[in-house]
Amino acid sequence: MNNQKPKKSLVRRHDNFGFVFLIPWMIGFTVFFLYPFLRSVLLSVQKVEFLPGGGFSTTFVGIENYITALTRDEKFLPLAAGSVLDLFINVPVCLVFSFFVAVLLRQKFFGNALVKAVFFLPVILGTGVFLSVQTETAAVSGMSLDSAMEEGVASLETLQSMNILNLLQDIGIPASITEYIAGPVEQIYSVISLSGVQIFIFLAGLNSIPPSVYEAAYIEGASGWVAFWKITFPMVSPIIIVNVVYSLIDNFTMSTNETMGYIFDAAFSNFDYGLSNAMAWLYCLVLAIFVGLSVALISKKVVYQS
């Protein structure tokens, strides 16, 4: 009787070798995500008190921090509501702008690569390394930001000097709609800086459409306008969901978001870690609701390629 154990198959050995490559990711996931995640949940139901001799103690208070954030804190709810209202301006404008730019960048013209780099440059400048460099060179970055803001204000003043806003109101368009139109003009620099990633996601989706589909449509007599609505837009619709989710999360968590700044100050300025974590989880819940509703509504109109 042969008592020797059967040798592992080549597939099984490859599978085991794959788990070895997963170990660094599992360590990073546990240390940098899972532990902070669980710690944040735990701190949201605790009250943290610093001891005179150093260190700190925690006391379980249940949902007291959540009640404080919702009923006793005077700034959290108004700031969170303002962040939600900003979504209805920033997200649609960024999506329309990024899609329009992606359609233009899909065309072949001289300097196409340079234009792509210019639109992606704000994304690079918004990373942590460059933000720290900008902080150290505050004078230079402040001048750049001030000039960008001045250009946005100048553009808005141009619209007002041309009486376009007054003209829209004179023909019966409500003031809320005209303010919605003027809002993106005032935030031109912000719109461009928030649209870099979406532009390239849309561009990847547009480039994935086979040229033969357009050729067949043009042979059948379809115009460019018909081809856009019958081919381009339906086939790029799955990418719209990706960009909507990305834009929602990006707008909710960007460094200039006042709600994020208020939550940060509650933890690292007021040292109220329990309240700060409770506000963060409430804020995260609002974001999850918006992402879920957006995906549920847009998914009904998405056309997936077979």
Protein backbone atom coordinates (compact mmCIF):
# COMPACT_ATOMS: atom_id res chain seq x y z
CA MET A 1 0.00 0.00 0.00
CA ASN A 2 1.43 3.36 -1.04
CA ASN A 3 1.34 5.82 1.90
CA GLN A 4 2.94 8.66 -0.01
CA LYS A 5 0.83 11.82 -0.17
CA PRO A 6 -0.18 12.84 -3.70
CA LYS A 7 1.71 15.79 -5.07
CA LYS A 8 -0.18 19.02 -5.36
CA SER A 9 -1.35 19.87 -8.81
CA LEU A 10 0.23 22.72 -10.73
CA VAL A 11 -2.97 24.77 -10.43
CA ARG A 12 -3.06 24.30 -6.65
CA ARG A 13 0.59 25.34 -6.33
CA HIS A 14 -0.12 28.46 -8.39
CA ASP A 15 -3.12 29.25 -6.17
CA ASN A 16 -1.02 28.95 -3.02
CA PHE A 17 1.65 31.14 -4.58
CA GLY A 18 -1.05 33.74 -5.34
CA PHE A 19 -1.97 33.95 -1.67
CA VAL A 20 1.62 34.90 -0.92
CA PHE A 21 1.20 37.99 -3.10
CA LEU A 22 -2.02 38.83 -1.24
CA ILE A 23 -0.27 38.98 2.14
CA PRO A 24 1.09 42.57 1.74
CA TRP A 25 -2.37 43.78 0.68
CA MET A 26 -4.04 41.97 3.59
CA ILE A 27 -1.60 43.53 6.05
CA GLY A 28 -2.14 47.00 4.57
CA PHE A 29 -5.94 46.51 4.53
CA THR A 30 -5.98 45.43 8.17
CA VAL A 31 -3.64 48.13 9.48
CA PHE A 32 -4.71 51.11 7.38
CA PHE A 33 -8.44 50.42 6.82
CA LEU A 34 -10.02 47.71 8.97
CA TYR A 35 -8.52 48.83 12.30
CA PRO A 36 -9.26 52.58 11.76
CA PHE A 37 -12.75 51.61 10.58
CA LEU A 38 -13.57 49.61 13.70
CA ARG A 39 -11.84 52.15 15.94
CA SER A 40 -13.94 54.95 14.45
CA VAL A 41 -17.17 53.03 15.08
CA LEU A 42 -16.10 52.38 18.66
CA LEU A 43 -15.10 56.00 19.32
CA SER A 44 -18.46 57.26 18.00
CA VAL A 45 -20.22 55.65 20.99
CA GLN A 46 -17.60 56.69 23.54
CA LYS A 47 -16.55 59.84 25.32
CA VAL A 48 -12.80 60.42 25.30
CA GLU A 49 -11.25 62.25 28.28
CA PHE A 50 -7.57 63.14 28.54
CA LEU A 51 -5.87 62.36 31.85
CA PRO A 52 -3.70 64.98 33.63
CA GLY A 53 -0.70 62.69 33.75
CA GLY A 54 -0.93 61.77 30.09
CA GLY A 55 -2.96 59.28 28.15
CA PHE A 56 -6.74 59.15 27.93
CA SER A 57 -9.75 57.21 29.14
CA THR A 58 -12.93 56.24 27.32
CA THR A 59 -16.46 55.96 28.63
CA PHE A 60 -19.29 54.26 26.79
CA VAL A 61 -22.12 56.76 26.17
CA GLY A 62 -24.16 54.93 23.54
CA ILE A 63 -25.84 57.19 20.98
CA GLU A 64 -25.26 60.34 23.03
CA ASN A 65 -22.73 61.65 20.52
CA TYR A 66 -25.17 61.14 17.65
CA ILE A 67 -27.92 62.97 19.54
CA THR A 68 -25.53 65.83 20.26
CA ALA A 69 -24.57 66.10 16.59
CA LEU A 70 -28.20 66.12 15.43
CA THR A 71 -29.89 68.23 18.11
CA ARG A 72 -27.38 70.21 20.16
CA ASP A 73 -24.63 71.15 17.75
CA GLU A 74 -25.55 74.40 16.01
CA LYS A 75 -23.28 74.12 12.97
CA PHE A 76 -23.19 70.47 11.88
CA LEU A 77 -26.66 70.15 10.34
CA PRO A 78 -26.55 73.53 8.49
CA LEU A 79 -23.09 72.71 7.10
CA ALA A 80 -24.18 69.22 6.07
CA ALA A 81 -27.30 70.65 4.40
CA GLY A 82 -25.10 73.14 2.55
CA SER A 83 -22.86 70.32 1.33
CA VAL A 84 -25.91 68.46 0.04
CA LEU A 85 -27.19 71.54 -1.79
CA ASP A 86 -23.76 72.03 -3.36
CA LEU A 87 -24.09 68.56 -4.88
CA PHE A 88 -27.02 69.67 -7.01
CA ILE A 89 -24.77 72.32 -8.59
CA ASN A 90 -21.30 70.77 -8.62
CA VAL A 91 -22.09 67.21 -9.70
CA PRO A 92 -24.30 67.94 -12.77
CA VAL A 93 -21.97 70.74 -13.92
CA CYS A 94 -18.86 68.57 -13.54
CA LEU A 95 -20.49 65.68 -15.39
CA VAL A 96 -21.70 67.81 -18.31
CA PHE A 97 -18.41 69.69 -18.53
CA SER A 98 -16.26 66.54 -18.35
CA PHE A 99 -18.37 64.74 -20.95
CA PHE A 100 -18.21 67.72 -23.32
CA VAL A 101 -14.43 67.99 -22.92
CA ALA A 102 -14.01 64.22 -23.39
CA VAL A 103 -15.93 64.38 -26.67
CA LEU A 104 -13.63 67.19 -27.85
CA LEU A 105 -10.45 65.41 -26.72
CA ARG A 106 -11.51 62.30 -28.61
CA GLN A 107 -10.94 64.19 -31.84
CA LYS A 108 -7.46 64.08 -33.35
CA PHE A 109 -5.82 67.49 -33.51
CA PHE A 110 -2.39 69.00 -33.01
CA GLY A 111 -1.52 69.34 -29.33
CA ASN A 112 -4.13 66.82 -28.15
CA ALA A 113 -1.75 65.28 -25.60
CA LEU A 114 -0.83 68.70 -24.22
CA VAL A 115 -4.49 69.64 -23.74
CA LYS A 116 -5.10 66.36 -21.92
CA ALA A 117 -2.17 67.09 -19.62
CA VAL A 118 -3.52 70.57 -18.87
CA PHE A 119 -6.92 69.21 -17.85
CA PHE A 120 -5.34 66.50 -15.67
CA LEU A 121 -2.84 68.87 -14.05
CA PRO A 122 -5.27 70.08 -11.31
CA VAL A 123 -5.75 66.46 -10.22
CA ILE A 124 -2.00 66.06 -9.71
CA LEU A 125 -1.75 69.41 -7.93
CA GLY A 126 -4.54 68.34 -5.59
CA THR A 127 -2.66 65.34 -4.22
CA GLY A 128 -1.22 65.31 -0.71
CA VAL A 129 2.41 65.84 -1.76
CA PHE A 130 1.66 68.87 -3.88
CA LEU A 131 -0.72 70.27 -1.26
CA SER A 132 2.09 70.20 1.28
CA VAL A 133 4.39 71.93 -1.18
CA GLN A 134 1.71 74.54 -1.80
CA THR A 135 1.38 75.06 1.95
CA GLU A 136 5.10 75.71 2.28
CA THR A 137 4.95 78.14 -0.67
CA ALA A 138 1.74 79.80 0.47
CA ALA A 139 2.56 83.08 -1.17
CA VAL A 140 2.78 81.58 -4.65
CA SER A 141 -0.22 79.31 -4.29
CA GLY A 142 -2.22 82.12 -2.71
CA MET A 143 -1.51 84.35 -5.67
CA SER A 144 -2.60 81.58 -8.06
CA LEU A 145 -5.80 80.93 -6.13
CA ASP A 146 -6.57 84.62 -5.82
CA SER A 147 -6.08 85.15 -9.55
CA ALA A 148 -8.33 82.19 -10.32
CA MET A 149 -11.02 83.52 -8.01
CA GLU A 150 -10.70 86.98 -9.54
CA GLU A 151 -11.21 85.46 -12.99
CA GLY A 152 -14.35 83.71 -11.77
CA VAL A 153 -15.71 86.89 -10.23
CA ALA A 154 -14.79 88.83 -13.37
CA SER A 155 -16.68 86.30 -15.49
CA LEU A 156 -19.73 86.65 -13.27
CA GLU A 157 -19.49 90.45 -13.45
CA THR A 158 -19.28 90.17 -17.24
CA LEU A 159 -22.52 88.22 -17.28
CA GLN A 160 -24.14 90.80 -15.07
CA SER A 161 -22.82 93.70 -17.15
CA MET A 162 -24.30 92.09 -20.25
CA ASN A 163 -27.61 91.92 -18.34
CA ILE A 164 -27.94 88.23 -19.23
CA LEU A 165 -29.13 87.35 -15.74
CA ASN A 166 -31.60 90.25 -15.76
CA LEU A 167 -32.76 89.22 -19.22
CA LEU A 168 -33.44 85.67 -18.06
CA GLN A 169 -35.46 86.97 -15.14
CA ASP A 170 -37.35 89.40 -17.38
CA ILE A 171 -38.59 86.59 -19.62
CA GLY A 172 -40.06 84.84 -16.61
CA ILE A 173 -37.31 82.44 -15.50
CA PRO A 174 -37.29 82.22 -11.68
CA ALA A 175 -34.40 83.78 -9.78
CA SER A 176 -33.45 80.39 -8.31
CA ILE A 177 -32.77 79.02 -11.80
CA THR A 178 -30.76 82.06 -12.89
CA GLU A 179 -28.66 81.78 -9.73
CA TYR A 180 -28.14 78.10 -10.55
CA ILE A 181 -26.84 79.13 -13.99
CA ALA A 182 -24.59 81.83 -12.56
CA GLY A 183 -23.19 79.57 -9.83
CA PRO A 184 -20.91 77.46 -12.08
CA VAL A 185 -19.61 80.62 -13.77
CA GLU A 186 -18.46 81.86 -10.38
CA GLN A 187 -16.73 78.54 -9.74
CA ILE A 188 -14.98 77.97 -13.09
CA TYR A 189 -11.65 77.11 -11.48
CA SER A 190 -13.32 74.69 -9.07
CA VAL A 191 -15.31 72.99 -11.86
CA ILE A 192 -12.18 72.42 -13.95
CA SER A 193 -10.16 71.12 -11.00
CA LEU A 194 -12.94 68.70 -10.02
CA SER A 195 -13.46 67.31 -13.53
CA GLY A 196 -10.01 65.95 -14.40
CA VAL A 197 -10.61 62.31 -13.48
CA GLN A 198 -14.13 62.27 -14.93
CA ILE A 199 -12.84 63.56 -18.26
CA PHE A 200 -10.47 60.62 -18.67
CA ILE A 201 -13.06 58.10 -17.49
CA PHE A 202 -15.47 59.40 -20.13
CA LEU A 203 -12.64 59.43 -22.68
CA ALA A 204 -11.88 55.76 -21.98
CA GLY A 205 -15.55 54.91 -22.46
CA LEU A 206 -15.76 56.85 -25.73
CA ASN A 207 -12.62 55.18 -27.08
CA SER A 208 -14.10 51.75 -26.33
CA ILE A 209 -16.93 52.28 -28.84
CA PRO A 210 -16.04 50.38 -32.06
CA PRO A 211 -15.65 52.72 -35.08
CA SER A 212 -17.50 50.14 -37.20
CA VAL A 213 -20.71 50.99 -35.33
CA TYR A 214 -20.48 54.61 -36.48
CA GLU A 215 -19.54 53.56 -40.01
CA ALA A 216 -22.62 51.34 -40.24
CA ALA A 217 -24.82 54.15 -38.92
CA TYR A 218 -23.44 56.70 -41.40
CA ILE A 219 -23.93 54.26 -44.29
CA GLU A 220 -27.57 53.97 -43.25
CA GLY A 221 -27.86 57.75 -43.45
CA ALA A 222 -27.62 58.70 -39.76
CA SER A 223 -26.43 62.22 -39.00
CA GLY A 224 -23.86 63.10 -36.33
CA TRP A 225 -26.64 64.25 -33.98
CA VAL A 226 -28.53 60.97 -34.38
CA ALA A 227 -25.33 58.95 -33.95
CA PHE A 228 -24.63 60.79 -30.71
CA TRP A 229 -28.02 60.06 -29.12
CA LYS A 230 -28.45 56.56 -30.56
CA ILE A 231 -24.88 55.25 -30.29
CA THR A 232 -22.52 57.42 -28.25
CA PHE A 233 -24.73 58.29 -25.30
CA PRO A 234 -26.29 54.81 -24.79
CA MET A 235 -22.97 53.00 -25.09
CA VAL A 236 -21.23 55.36 -22.66
CA SER A 237 -24.11 55.25 -20.15
CA PRO A 238 -22.41 52.66 -17.86
CA ILE A 239 -19.54 55.13 -17.47
CA ILE A 240 -22.02 57.77 -16.29
CA ILE A 241 -22.75 55.71 -13.16
CA VAL A 242 -19.04 55.47 -12.40
CA ASN A 243 -18.58 59.21 -12.78
CA VAL A 244 -21.69 60.03 -10.75
CA VAL A 245 -20.48 57.90 -7.83
CA TYR A 246 -16.96 59.34 -8.09
CA SER A 247 -18.25 62.92 -8.30
CA LEU A 248 -20.55 62.47 -5.30
CA ILE A 249 -17.77 61.06 -3.13
CA ASP A 250 -15.23 63.59 -4.39
CA ASN A 251 -17.51 66.57 -3.67
CA PHE A 252 -18.48 65.24 -0.25
CA THR A 253 -14.89 64.60 0.87
CA MET A 254 -12.79 67.28 -0.85
CA SER A 255 -10.51 69.38 1.34
CA THR A 256 -12.50 72.59 0.77
CA ASN A 257 -15.74 71.03 2.02
CA GLU A 258 -16.82 73.01 5.09
CA THR A 259 -18.49 70.02 6.73
CA MET A 260 -15.31 67.96 6.45
CA GLY A 261 -13.35 70.86 7.92
CA TYR A 262 -15.79 71.17 10.81
CA ILE A 263 -15.55 67.44 11.60
CA PHE A 264 -11.76 67.66 11.44
CA ASP A 265 -11.69 70.65 13.80
CA ALA A 266 -14.00 68.87 16.26
CA ALA A 267 -11.42 66.10 16.58
CA PHE A 268 -8.06 67.87 16.33
CA SER A 269 -8.90 71.36 17.62
CA ASN A 270 -11.61 70.67 20.21
CA PHE A 271 -10.30 67.14 20.92
CA ASP A 272 -13.86 65.76 21.02
CA TYR A 273 -13.11 62.51 19.22
CA GLY A 274 -16.41 60.86 20.08
CA LEU A 275 -18.54 63.67 18.65
CA SER A 276 -16.26 64.00 15.63
CA ASN A 277 -16.59 60.30 14.76
CA ALA A 278 -20.34 60.40 15.27
CA MET A 279 -20.65 63.36 12.89
CA ALA A 280 -18.40 61.58 10.40
CA TRP A 281 -20.61 58.49 10.40
CA LEU A 282 -23.78 60.56 10.02
CA TYR A 283 -22.15 62.40 7.15
CA CYS A 284 -21.09 59.08 5.62
CA LEU A 285 -24.67 57.81 5.93
CA VAL A 286 -25.98 60.79 3.97
CA LEU A 287 -23.39 60.14 1.27
CA ALA A 288 -24.33 56.45 1.11
CA ILE A 289 -28.00 57.36 0.67
CA PHE A 290 -27.23 59.73 -2.20
CA VAL A 291 -24.94 57.19 -3.88
CA GLY A 292 -27.56 54.44 -3.52
CA LEU A 293 -30.39 56.58 -4.90
CA SER A 294 -28.25 57.80 -7.81
CA VAL A 295 -27.18 54.30 -8.80
CA ALA A 296 -30.72 52.95 -8.47
CA LEU A 297 -32.20 55.71 -10.65
CA ILE A 298 -29.50 55.80 -13.33
CA SER A 299 -29.21 52.00 -13.59
CA LYS A 300 -32.72 51.87 -15.05
CA LYS A 301 -31.54 53.81 -18.11
CA VAL A 302 -28.14 52.18 -18.57
CA VAL A 303 -27.49 50.22 -21.76
CA TYR A 304 -24.99 47.41 -21.29
CA GLN A 305 -23.17 45.95 -24.28
CA SER A 306 -23.73 42.26 -24.84
